[in-house]
Amino acid sequence: WISEAADKLNARILLIKTCVAICPLI
């Protein structure tokens, strides 16, 4: 149950970090 909740909490954070990293490259 903790793992499922953690997965839902961390959803899309990697995509957000990718957007942050890609802005200076653009």
mmCIF file of all heavy atoms, coordinates in Angstrom:
data_MODEL
# 
_entry.id   MODEL 
# 
loop_
_atom_site.group_PDB 
_atom_site.id 
_atom_site.type_symbol 
_atom_site.label_atom_id 
_atom_site.label_alt_id 
_atom_site.label_comp_id 
_atom_site.label_asym_id 
_atom_site.label_entity_id 
_atom_site.label_seq_id 
_atom_site.pdbx_PDB_ins_code 
_atom_site.Cartn_x 
_atom_site.Cartn_y 
_atom_site.Cartn_z 
_atom_site.occupancy 
_atom_site.B_iso_or_equiv 
_atom_site.pdbx_formal_charge 
_atom_site.auth_seq_id 
_atom_site.auth_comp_id 
_atom_site.auth_asym_id 
_atom_site.auth_atom_id 
_atom_site.pdbx_PDB_model_num 
ATOM 1   N N   . TRP A 1 1  ? 0.830  -1.204 0.000   1.00 0.00 ? 1  TRP A N   1 
ATOM 2   C CA  . TRP A 1 1  ? 0.000  0.000  0.000   1.00 0.00 ? 1  TRP A CA  1 
ATOM 3   C C   . TRP A 1 1  ? 0.869  1.260  0.000   1.00 0.00 ? 1  TRP A C   1 
ATOM 4   O O   . TRP A 1 1  ? 0.567  2.229  -0.699  1.00 0.00 ? 1  TRP A O   1 
ATOM 5   C CB  . TRP A 1 1  ? -0.933 0.010  1.205   1.00 0.00 ? 1  TRP A CB  1 
ATOM 6   C CG  . TRP A 1 1  ? -2.045 -1.000 1.123   1.00 0.00 ? 1  TRP A CG  1 
ATOM 7   C CD1 . TRP A 1 1  ? -2.465 -1.677 0.005   1.00 0.00 ? 1  TRP A CD1 1 
ATOM 8   C CD2 . TRP A 1 1  ? -2.869 -1.444 2.193   1.00 0.00 ? 1  TRP A CD2 1 
ATOM 9   N NE1 . TRP A 1 1  ? -3.499 -2.510 0.333   1.00 0.00 ? 1  TRP A NE1 1 
ATOM 10  C CE2 . TRP A 1 1  ? -3.775 -2.391 1.665   1.00 0.00 ? 1  TRP A CE2 1 
ATOM 11  C CE3 . TRP A 1 1  ? -2.935 -1.143 3.539   1.00 0.00 ? 1  TRP A CE3 1 
ATOM 12  C CZ2 . TRP A 1 1  ? -4.738 -3.029 2.431   1.00 0.00 ? 1  TRP A CZ2 1 
ATOM 13  C CZ3 . TRP A 1 1  ? -3.894 -1.777 4.310   1.00 0.00 ? 1  TRP A CZ3 1 
ATOM 14  C CH2 . TRP A 1 1  ? -4.787 -2.703 3.770   1.00 0.00 ? 1  TRP A CH2 1 
ATOM 15  N N   . ILE A 1 2  ? 1.936  1.251  0.779   1.00 0.00 ? 2  ILE A N   1 
ATOM 16  C CA  . ILE A 1 2  ? 2.853  2.401  0.803   1.00 0.00 ? 2  ILE A CA  1 
ATOM 17  C C   . ILE A 1 2  ? 3.505  2.580  -0.564  1.00 0.00 ? 2  ILE A C   1 
ATOM 18  O O   . ILE A 1 2  ? 3.630  3.701  -1.065  1.00 0.00 ? 2  ILE A O   1 
ATOM 19  C CB  . ILE A 1 2  ? 3.904  2.235  1.920   1.00 0.00 ? 2  ILE A CB  1 
ATOM 20  C CG1 . ILE A 1 2  ? 3.242  2.352  3.291   1.00 0.00 ? 2  ILE A CG1 1 
ATOM 21  C CG2 . ILE A 1 2  ? 5.022  3.250  1.770   1.00 0.00 ? 2  ILE A CG2 1 
ATOM 22  C CD1 . ILE A 1 2  ? 4.134  1.956  4.455   1.00 0.00 ? 2  ILE A CD1 1 
ATOM 23  N N   . SER A 1 3  ? 3.884  1.487  -1.188  1.00 0.00 ? 3  SER A N   1 
ATOM 24  C CA  . SER A 1 3  ? 4.514  1.549  -2.505  1.00 0.00 ? 3  SER A CA  1 
ATOM 25  C C   . SER A 1 3  ? 3.554  2.098  -3.561  1.00 0.00 ? 3  SER A C   1 
ATOM 26  O O   . SER A 1 3  ? 3.940  2.914  -4.403  1.00 0.00 ? 3  SER A O   1 
ATOM 27  C CB  . SER A 1 3  ? 5.000  0.160  -2.905  1.00 0.00 ? 3  SER A CB  1 
ATOM 28  O OG  . SER A 1 3  ? 5.602  0.191  -4.158  1.00 0.00 ? 3  SER A OG  1 
ATOM 29  N N   . GLU A 1 4  ? 2.305  1.650  -3.521  1.00 0.00 ? 4  GLU A N   1 
ATOM 30  C CA  . GLU A 1 4  ? 1.301  2.171  -4.469  1.00 0.00 ? 4  GLU A CA  1 
ATOM 31  C C   . GLU A 1 4  ? 1.102  3.671  -4.274  1.00 0.00 ? 4  GLU A C   1 
ATOM 32  O O   . GLU A 1 4  ? 1.011  4.424  -5.244  1.00 0.00 ? 4  GLU A O   1 
ATOM 33  C CB  . GLU A 1 4  ? -0.025 1.445  -4.282  1.00 0.00 ? 4  GLU A CB  1 
ATOM 34  C CG  . GLU A 1 4  ? -0.032 0.034  -4.801  1.00 0.00 ? 4  GLU A CG  1 
ATOM 35  C CD  . GLU A 1 4  ? -1.322 -0.702 -4.454  1.00 0.00 ? 4  GLU A CD  1 
ATOM 36  O OE1 . GLU A 1 4  ? -2.302 -0.046 -4.029  1.00 0.00 ? 4  GLU A OE1 1 
ATOM 37  O OE2 . GLU A 1 4  ? -1.353 -1.932 -4.611  1.00 0.00 ? 4  GLU A OE2 1 
ATOM 38  N N   . ALA A 1 5  ? 1.015  4.092  -3.039  1.00 0.00 ? 5  ALA A N   1 
ATOM 39  C CA  . ALA A 1 5  ? 0.844  5.524  -2.759  1.00 0.00 ? 5  ALA A CA  1 
ATOM 40  C C   . ALA A 1 5  ? 2.065  6.313  -3.225  1.00 0.00 ? 5  ALA A C   1 
ATOM 41  O O   . ALA A 1 5  ? 1.927  7.392  -3.806  1.00 0.00 ? 5  ALA A O   1 
ATOM 42  C CB  . ALA A 1 5  ? 0.594  5.748  -1.271  1.00 0.00 ? 5  ALA A CB  1 
ATOM 43  N N   . ALA A 1 6  ? 3.262  5.774  -2.996  1.00 0.00 ? 6  ALA A N   1 
ATOM 44  C CA  . ALA A 1 6  ? 4.490  6.447  -3.426  1.00 0.00 ? 6  ALA A CA  1 
ATOM 45  C C   . ALA A 1 6  ? 4.536  6.563  -4.949  1.00 0.00 ? 6  ALA A C   1 
ATOM 46  O O   . ALA A 1 6  ? 4.970  7.595  -5.483  1.00 0.00 ? 6  ALA A O   1 
ATOM 47  C CB  . ALA A 1 6  ? 5.717  5.703  -2.911  1.00 0.00 ? 6  ALA A CB  1 
ATOM 48  N N   . ASP A 1 7  ? 4.095  5.513  -5.651  1.00 0.00 ? 7  ASP A N   1 
ATOM 49  C CA  . ASP A 1 7  ? 4.051  5.581  -7.110  1.00 0.00 ? 7  ASP A CA  1 
ATOM 50  C C   . ASP A 1 7  ? 3.121  6.694  -7.585  1.00 0.00 ? 7  ASP A C   1 
ATOM 51  O O   . ASP A 1 7  ? 3.440  7.434  -8.513  1.00 0.00 ? 7  ASP A O   1 
ATOM 52  C CB  . ASP A 1 7  ? 3.591  4.250  -7.708  1.00 0.00 ? 7  ASP A CB  1 
ATOM 53  C CG  . ASP A 1 7  ? 4.680  3.205  -7.708  1.00 0.00 ? 7  ASP A CG  1 
ATOM 54  O OD1 . ASP A 1 7  ? 5.861  3.560  -7.476  1.00 0.00 ? 7  ASP A OD1 1 
ATOM 55  O OD2 . ASP A 1 7  ? 4.349  2.025  -7.929  1.00 0.00 ? 7  ASP A OD2 1 
ATOM 56  N N   . LYS A 1 8  ? 1.972  6.795  -6.947  1.00 0.00 ? 8  LYS A N   1 
ATOM 57  C CA  . LYS A 1 8  ? 1.026  7.853  -7.333  1.00 0.00 ? 8  LYS A CA  1 
ATOM 58  C C   . LYS A 1 8  ? 1.567  9.234  -6.974  1.00 0.00 ? 8  LYS A C   1 
ATOM 59  O O   . LYS A 1 8  ? 1.348  10.203 -7.684  1.00 0.00 ? 8  LYS A O   1 
ATOM 60  C CB  . LYS A 1 8  ? -0.333 7.612  -6.702  1.00 0.00 ? 8  LYS A CB  1 
ATOM 61  C CG  . LYS A 1 8  ? -1.027 6.424  -7.338  1.00 0.00 ? 8  LYS A CG  1 
ATOM 62  C CD  . LYS A 1 8  ? -2.381 6.153  -6.727  1.00 0.00 ? 8  LYS A CD  1 
ATOM 63  C CE  . LYS A 1 8  ? -2.991 4.928  -7.385  1.00 0.00 ? 8  LYS A CE  1 
ATOM 64  N NZ  . LYS A 1 8  ? -4.231 4.527  -6.787  1.00 0.00 ? 8  LYS A NZ  1 
ATOM 65  N N   . LEU A 1 9  ? 2.267  9.328  -5.849  1.00 0.00 ? 9  LEU A N   1 
ATOM 66  C CA  . LEU A 1 9  ? 2.856  10.610 -5.457  1.00 0.00 ? 9  LEU A CA  1 
ATOM 67  C C   . LEU A 1 9  ? 3.957  11.043 -6.424  1.00 0.00 ? 9  LEU A C   1 
ATOM 68  O O   . LEU A 1 9  ? 4.085  12.233 -6.739  1.00 0.00 ? 9  LEU A O   1 
ATOM 69  C CB  . LEU A 1 9  ? 3.437  10.520 -4.043  1.00 0.00 ? 9  LEU A CB  1 
ATOM 70  C CG  . LEU A 1 9  ? 2.449  10.570 -2.894  1.00 0.00 ? 9  LEU A CG  1 
ATOM 71  C CD1 . LEU A 1 9  ? 3.132  10.171 -1.598  1.00 0.00 ? 9  LEU A CD1 1 
ATOM 72  C CD2 . LEU A 1 9  ? 1.835  11.944 -2.776  1.00 0.00 ? 9  LEU A CD2 1 
ATOM 73  N N   . ASN A 1 10 ? 4.751  10.101 -6.893  1.00 0.00 ? 10 ASN A N   1 
ATOM 74  C CA  . ASN A 1 10 ? 5.885  10.418 -7.762  1.00 0.00 ? 10 ASN A CA  1 
ATOM 75  C C   . ASN A 1 10 ? 5.535  10.447 -9.244  1.00 0.00 ? 10 ASN A C   1 
ATOM 76  O O   . ASN A 1 10 ? 6.417  10.663 -10.075 1.00 0.00 ? 10 ASN A O   1 
ATOM 77  C CB  . ASN A 1 10 ? 7.018  9.405  -7.532  1.00 0.00 ? 10 ASN A CB  1 
ATOM 78  C CG  . ASN A 1 10 ? 7.687  9.619  -6.203  1.00 0.00 ? 10 ASN A CG  1 
ATOM 79  O OD1 . ASN A 1 10 ? 7.975  10.737 -5.818  1.00 0.00 ? 10 ASN A OD1 1 
ATOM 80  N ND2 . ASN A 1 10 ? 7.919  8.533  -5.483  1.00 0.00 ? 10 ASN A ND2 1 
ATOM 81  N N   . ALA A 1 11 ? 4.278  10.236 -9.574  1.00 0.00 ? 11 ALA A N   1 
ATOM 82  C CA  . ALA A 1 11 ? 3.865  10.227 -10.981 1.00 0.00 ? 11 ALA A CA  1 
ATOM 83  C C   . ALA A 1 11 ? 4.188  11.575 -11.636 1.00 0.00 ? 11 ALA A C   1 
ATOM 84  O O   . ALA A 1 11 ? 3.985  12.635 -11.054 1.00 0.00 ? 11 ALA A O   1 
ATOM 85  C CB  . ALA A 1 11 ? 2.371  9.943  -11.086 1.00 0.00 ? 11 ALA A CB  1 
ATOM 86  N N   . ARG A 1 12 ? 4.727  11.507 -12.818 1.00 0.00 ? 12 ARG A N   1 
ATOM 87  C CA  . ARG A 1 12 ? 5.036  12.658 -13.682 1.00 0.00 ? 12 ARG A CA  1 
ATOM 88  C C   . ARG A 1 12 ? 6.163  13.560 -13.179 1.00 0.00 ? 12 ARG A C   1 
ATOM 89  O O   . ARG A 1 12 ? 6.465  14.557 -13.809 1.00 0.00 ? 12 ARG A O   1 
ATOM 90  C CB  . ARG A 1 12 ? 3.771  13.464 -13.971 1.00 0.00 ? 12 ARG A CB  1 
ATOM 91  C CG  . ARG A 1 12 ? 2.832  12.719 -14.896 1.00 0.00 ? 12 ARG A CG  1 
ATOM 92  C CD  . ARG A 1 12 ? 1.590  13.484 -15.202 1.00 0.00 ? 12 ARG A CD  1 
ATOM 93  N NE  . ARG A 1 12 ? 0.567  13.451 -14.181 1.00 0.00 ? 12 ARG A NE  1 
ATOM 94  C CZ  . ARG A 1 12 ? -0.140 12.386 -13.822 1.00 0.00 ? 12 ARG A CZ  1 
ATOM 95  N NH1 . ARG A 1 12 ? 0.083  11.236 -14.355 1.00 0.00 ? 12 ARG A NH1 1 
ATOM 96  N NH2 . ARG A 1 12 ? -1.071 12.462 -12.906 1.00 0.00 ? 12 ARG A NH2 1 
ATOM 97  N N   . ILE A 1 13 ? 6.777  13.246 -12.057 1.00 0.00 ? 13 ILE A N   1 
ATOM 98  C CA  . ILE A 1 13 ? 7.878  14.085 -11.581 1.00 0.00 ? 13 ILE A CA  1 
ATOM 99  C C   . ILE A 1 13 ? 9.068  13.981 -12.538 1.00 0.00 ? 13 ILE A C   1 
ATOM 100 O O   . ILE A 1 13 ? 9.734  14.979 -12.817 1.00 0.00 ? 13 ILE A O   1 
ATOM 101 C CB  . ILE A 1 13 ? 8.253  13.747 -10.125 1.00 0.00 ? 13 ILE A CB  1 
ATOM 102 C CG1 . ILE A 1 13 ? 7.151  14.268 -9.207  1.00 0.00 ? 13 ILE A CG1 1 
ATOM 103 C CG2 . ILE A 1 13 ? 9.599  14.343 -9.747  1.00 0.00 ? 13 ILE A CG2 1 
ATOM 104 C CD1 . ILE A 1 13 ? 7.389  14.092 -7.744  1.00 0.00 ? 13 ILE A CD1 1 
ATOM 105 N N   . LEU A 1 14 ? 9.321  12.792 -13.066 1.00 0.00 ? 14 LEU A N   1 
ATOM 106 C CA  . LEU A 1 14 ? 10.410 12.632 -14.024 1.00 0.00 ? 14 LEU A CA  1 
ATOM 107 C C   . LEU A 1 14 ? 10.157 13.445 -15.290 1.00 0.00 ? 14 LEU A C   1 
ATOM 108 O O   . LEU A 1 14 ? 11.077 14.068 -15.838 1.00 0.00 ? 14 LEU A O   1 
ATOM 109 C CB  . LEU A 1 14 ? 10.609 11.150 -14.368 1.00 0.00 ? 14 LEU A CB  1 
ATOM 110 C CG  . LEU A 1 14 ? 11.807 10.819 -15.245 1.00 0.00 ? 14 LEU A CG  1 
ATOM 111 C CD1 . LEU A 1 14 ? 13.108 11.283 -14.578 1.00 0.00 ? 14 LEU A CD1 1 
ATOM 112 C CD2 . LEU A 1 14 ? 11.865 9.336  -15.531 1.00 0.00 ? 14 LEU A CD2 1 
ATOM 113 N N   . LEU A 1 15 ? 8.906  13.486 -15.737 1.00 0.00 ? 15 LEU A N   1 
ATOM 114 C CA  . LEU A 1 15 ? 8.565  14.294 -16.914 1.00 0.00 ? 15 LEU A CA  1 
ATOM 115 C C   . LEU A 1 15 ? 8.760  15.788 -16.629 1.00 0.00 ? 15 LEU A C   1 
ATOM 116 O O   . LEU A 1 15 ? 9.249  16.534 -17.481 1.00 0.00 ? 15 LEU A O   1 
ATOM 117 C CB  . LEU A 1 15 ? 7.129  14.006 -17.344 1.00 0.00 ? 15 LEU A CB  1 
ATOM 118 C CG  . LEU A 1 15 ? 6.624  14.699 -18.602 1.00 0.00 ? 15 LEU A CG  1 
ATOM 119 C CD1 . LEU A 1 15 ? 7.522  14.376 -19.799 1.00 0.00 ? 15 LEU A CD1 1 
ATOM 120 C CD2 . LEU A 1 15 ? 5.198  14.290 -18.897 1.00 0.00 ? 15 LEU A CD2 1 
ATOM 121 N N   . ILE A 1 16 ? 8.411  16.217 -15.430 1.00 0.00 ? 16 ILE A N   1 
ATOM 122 C CA  . ILE A 1 16 ? 8.619  17.614 -15.043 1.00 0.00 ? 16 ILE A CA  1 
ATOM 123 C C   . ILE A 1 16 ? 10.111 17.937 -15.035 1.00 0.00 ? 16 ILE A C   1 
ATOM 124 O O   . ILE A 1 16 ? 10.540 18.968 -15.570 1.00 0.00 ? 16 ILE A O   1 
ATOM 125 C CB  . ILE A 1 16 ? 7.981  17.902 -13.668 1.00 0.00 ? 16 ILE A CB  1 
ATOM 126 C CG1 . ILE A 1 16 ? 6.461  17.793 -13.747 1.00 0.00 ? 16 ILE A CG1 1 
ATOM 127 C CG2 . ILE A 1 16 ? 8.391  19.281 -13.157 1.00 0.00 ? 16 ILE A CG2 1 
ATOM 128 C CD1 . ILE A 1 16 ? 5.761  17.792 -12.401 1.00 0.00 ? 16 ILE A CD1 1 
ATOM 129 N N   . LYS A 1 17 ? 10.915 17.040 -14.459 1.00 0.00 ? 17 LYS A N   1 
ATOM 130 C CA  . LYS A 1 17 ? 12.365 17.265 -14.432 1.00 0.00 ? 17 LYS A CA  1 
ATOM 131 C C   . LYS A 1 17 ? 12.948 17.287 -15.847 1.00 0.00 ? 17 LYS A C   1 
ATOM 132 O O   . LYS A 1 17 ? 13.891 18.035 -16.120 1.00 0.00 ? 17 LYS A O   1 
ATOM 133 C CB  . LYS A 1 17 ? 13.051 16.175 -13.608 1.00 0.00 ? 17 LYS A CB  1 
ATOM 134 C CG  . LYS A 1 17 ? 12.847 16.309 -12.130 1.00 0.00 ? 17 LYS A CG  1 
ATOM 135 C CD  . LYS A 1 17 ? 13.517 15.144 -11.430 1.00 0.00 ? 17 LYS A CD  1 
ATOM 136 C CE  . LYS A 1 17 ? 13.970 15.514 -10.063 1.00 0.00 ? 17 LYS A CE  1 
ATOM 137 N NZ  . LYS A 1 17 ? 14.708 14.424 -9.420  1.00 0.00 ? 17 LYS A NZ  1 
ATOM 138 N N   . THR A 1 18 ? 12.391 16.479 -16.734 1.00 0.00 ? 18 THR A N   1 
ATOM 139 C CA  . THR A 1 18 ? 12.841 16.484 -18.125 1.00 0.00 ? 18 THR A CA  1 
ATOM 140 C C   . THR A 1 18 ? 12.531 17.825 -18.784 1.00 0.00 ? 18 THR A C   1 
ATOM 141 O O   . THR A 1 18 ? 13.372 18.367 -19.516 1.00 0.00 ? 18 THR A O   1 
ATOM 142 C CB  . THR A 1 18 ? 12.184 15.329 -18.900 1.00 0.00 ? 18 THR A CB  1 
ATOM 143 O OG1 . THR A 1 18 ? 12.512 14.098 -18.264 1.00 0.00 ? 18 THR A OG1 1 
ATOM 144 C CG2 . THR A 1 18 ? 12.644 15.295 -20.340 1.00 0.00 ? 18 THR A CG2 1 
ATOM 145 N N   . CYS A 1 19 ? 11.353 18.371 -18.521 1.00 0.00 ? 19 CYS A N   1 
ATOM 146 C CA  . CYS A 1 19 ? 11.007 19.693 -19.064 1.00 0.00 ? 19 CYS A CA  1 
ATOM 147 C C   . CYS A 1 19 ? 11.962 20.763 -18.530 1.00 0.00 ? 19 CYS A C   1 
ATOM 148 O O   . CYS A 1 19 ? 12.382 21.649 -19.280 1.00 0.00 ? 19 CYS A O   1 
ATOM 149 C CB  . CYS A 1 19 ? 9.563  20.063 -18.727 1.00 0.00 ? 19 CYS A CB  1 
ATOM 150 S SG  . CYS A 1 19 ? 8.335  19.133 -19.646 1.00 0.00 ? 19 CYS A SG  1 
ATOM 151 N N   . VAL A 1 20 ? 12.289 20.674 -17.245 1.00 0.00 ? 20 VAL A N   1 
ATOM 152 C CA  . VAL A 1 20 ? 13.224 21.632 -16.645 1.00 0.00 ? 20 VAL A CA  1 
ATOM 153 C C   . VAL A 1 20 ? 14.582 21.530 -17.335 1.00 0.00 ? 20 VAL A C   1 
ATOM 154 O O   . VAL A 1 20 ? 15.204 22.542 -17.668 1.00 0.00 ? 20 VAL A O   1 
ATOM 155 C CB  . VAL A 1 20 ? 13.363 21.395 -15.123 1.00 0.00 ? 20 VAL A CB  1 
ATOM 156 C CG1 . VAL A 1 20 ? 14.521 22.178 -14.544 1.00 0.00 ? 20 VAL A CG1 1 
ATOM 157 C CG2 . VAL A 1 20 ? 12.071 21.762 -14.408 1.00 0.00 ? 20 VAL A CG2 1 
ATOM 158 N N   . ALA A 1 21 ? 15.034 20.307 -17.572 1.00 0.00 ? 21 ALA A N   1 
ATOM 159 C CA  . ALA A 1 21 ? 16.350 20.110 -18.179 1.00 0.00 ? 21 ALA A CA  1 
ATOM 160 C C   . ALA A 1 21 ? 16.379 20.499 -19.652 1.00 0.00 ? 21 ALA A C   1 
ATOM 161 O O   . ALA A 1 21 ? 17.417 20.933 -20.166 1.00 0.00 ? 21 ALA A O   1 
ATOM 162 C CB  . ALA A 1 21 ? 16.775 18.651 -18.022 1.00 0.00 ? 21 ALA A CB  1 
ATOM 163 N N   . ILE A 1 22 ? 15.249 20.367 -20.319 1.00 0.00 ? 22 ILE A N   1 
ATOM 164 C CA  . ILE A 1 22 ? 15.233 20.616 -21.755 1.00 0.00 ? 22 ILE A CA  1 
ATOM 165 C C   . ILE A 1 22 ? 15.121 22.110 -22.099 1.00 0.00 ? 22 ILE A C   1 
ATOM 166 O O   . ILE A 1 22 ? 15.560 22.518 -23.179 1.00 0.00 ? 22 ILE A O   1 
ATOM 167 C CB  . ILE A 1 22 ? 14.108 19.783 -22.412 1.00 0.00 ? 22 ILE A CB  1 
ATOM 168 C CG1 . ILE A 1 22 ? 14.558 19.252 -23.731 1.00 0.00 ? 22 ILE A CG1 1 
ATOM 169 C CG2 . ILE A 1 22 ? 12.843 20.538 -22.584 1.00 0.00 ? 22 ILE A CG2 1 
ATOM 170 C CD1 . ILE A 1 22 ? 13.659 18.183 -24.288 1.00 0.00 ? 22 ILE A CD1 1 
ATOM 171 N N   . CYS A 1 23 ? 14.579 22.907 -21.204 1.00 0.00 ? 23 CYS A N   1 
ATOM 172 C CA  . CYS A 1 23 ? 14.406 24.344 -21.491 1.00 0.00 ? 23 CYS A CA  1 
ATOM 173 C C   . CYS A 1 23 ? 15.720 25.042 -21.835 1.00 0.00 ? 23 CYS A C   1 
ATOM 174 O O   . CYS A 1 23 ? 15.783 25.760 -22.845 1.00 0.00 ? 23 CYS A O   1 
ATOM 175 C CB  . CYS A 1 23 ? 13.702 25.038 -20.328 1.00 0.00 ? 23 CYS A CB  1 
ATOM 176 S SG  . CYS A 1 23 ? 11.930 24.750 -20.300 1.00 0.00 ? 23 CYS A SG  1 
ATOM 177 N N   . PRO A 1 24 ? 16.793 24.889 -21.060 1.00 0.00 ? 24 PRO A N   1 
ATOM 178 C CA  . PRO A 1 24 ? 18.045 25.547 -21.449 1.00 0.00 ? 24 PRO A CA  1 
ATOM 179 C C   . PRO A 1 24 ? 18.604 25.009 -22.769 1.00 0.00 ? 24 PRO A C   1 
ATOM 180 O O   . PRO A 1 24 ? 19.223 25.761 -23.531 1.00 0.00 ? 24 PRO A O   1 
ATOM 181 C CB  . PRO A 1 24 ? 19.007 25.245 -20.307 1.00 0.00 ? 24 PRO A CB  1 
ATOM 182 C CG  . PRO A 1 24 ? 18.185 24.777 -19.188 1.00 0.00 ? 24 PRO A CG  1 
ATOM 183 C CD  . PRO A 1 24 ? 16.913 24.250 -19.755 1.00 0.00 ? 24 PRO A CD  1 
ATOM 184 N N   . LEU A 1 25 ? 18.368 23.737 -23.043 1.00 0.00 ? 25 LEU A N   1 
ATOM 185 C CA  . LEU A 1 25 ? 18.855 23.169 -24.298 1.00 0.00 ? 25 LEU A CA  1 
ATOM 186 C C   . LEU A 1 25 ? 18.128 23.770 -25.496 1.00 0.00 ? 25 LEU A C   1 
ATOM 187 O O   . LEU A 1 25 ? 18.732 24.023 -26.542 1.00 0.00 ? 25 LEU A O   1 
ATOM 188 C CB  . LEU A 1 25 ? 18.710 21.650 -24.278 1.00 0.00 ? 25 LEU A CB  1 
ATOM 189 C CG  . LEU A 1 25 ? 19.518 20.933 -23.202 1.00 0.00 ? 25 LEU A CG  1 
ATOM 190 C CD1 . LEU A 1 25 ? 19.210 19.451 -23.203 1.00 0.00 ? 25 LEU A CD1 1 
ATOM 191 C CD2 . LEU A 1 25 ? 20.991 21.192 -23.392 1.00 0.00 ? 25 LEU A CD2 1 
ATOM 192 N N   . ILE A 1 26 ? 16.832 23.984 -25.340 1.00 0.00 ? 26 ILE A N   1 
ATOM 193 C CA  . ILE A 1 26 ? 16.080 24.647 -26.408 1.00 0.00 ? 26 ILE A CA  1 
ATOM 194 C C   . ILE A 1 26 ? 16.599 26.076 -26.577 1.00 0.00 ? 26 ILE A C   1 
ATOM 195 O O   . ILE A 1 26 ? 16.738 26.573 -27.702 1.00 0.00 ? 26 ILE A O   1 
ATOM 196 C CB  . ILE A 1 26 ? 14.565 24.633 -26.102 1.00 0.00 ? 26 ILE A CB  1 
ATOM 197 C CG1 . ILE A 1 26 ? 14.039 23.197 -26.053 1.00 0.00 ? 26 ILE A CG1 1 
ATOM 198 C CG2 . ILE A 1 26 ? 13.798 25.427 -27.145 1.00 0.00 ? 26 ILE A CG2 1 
ATOM 199 C CD1 . ILE A 1 26 ? 12.639 23.081 -25.480 1.00 0.00 ? 26 ILE A CD1 1 
# 
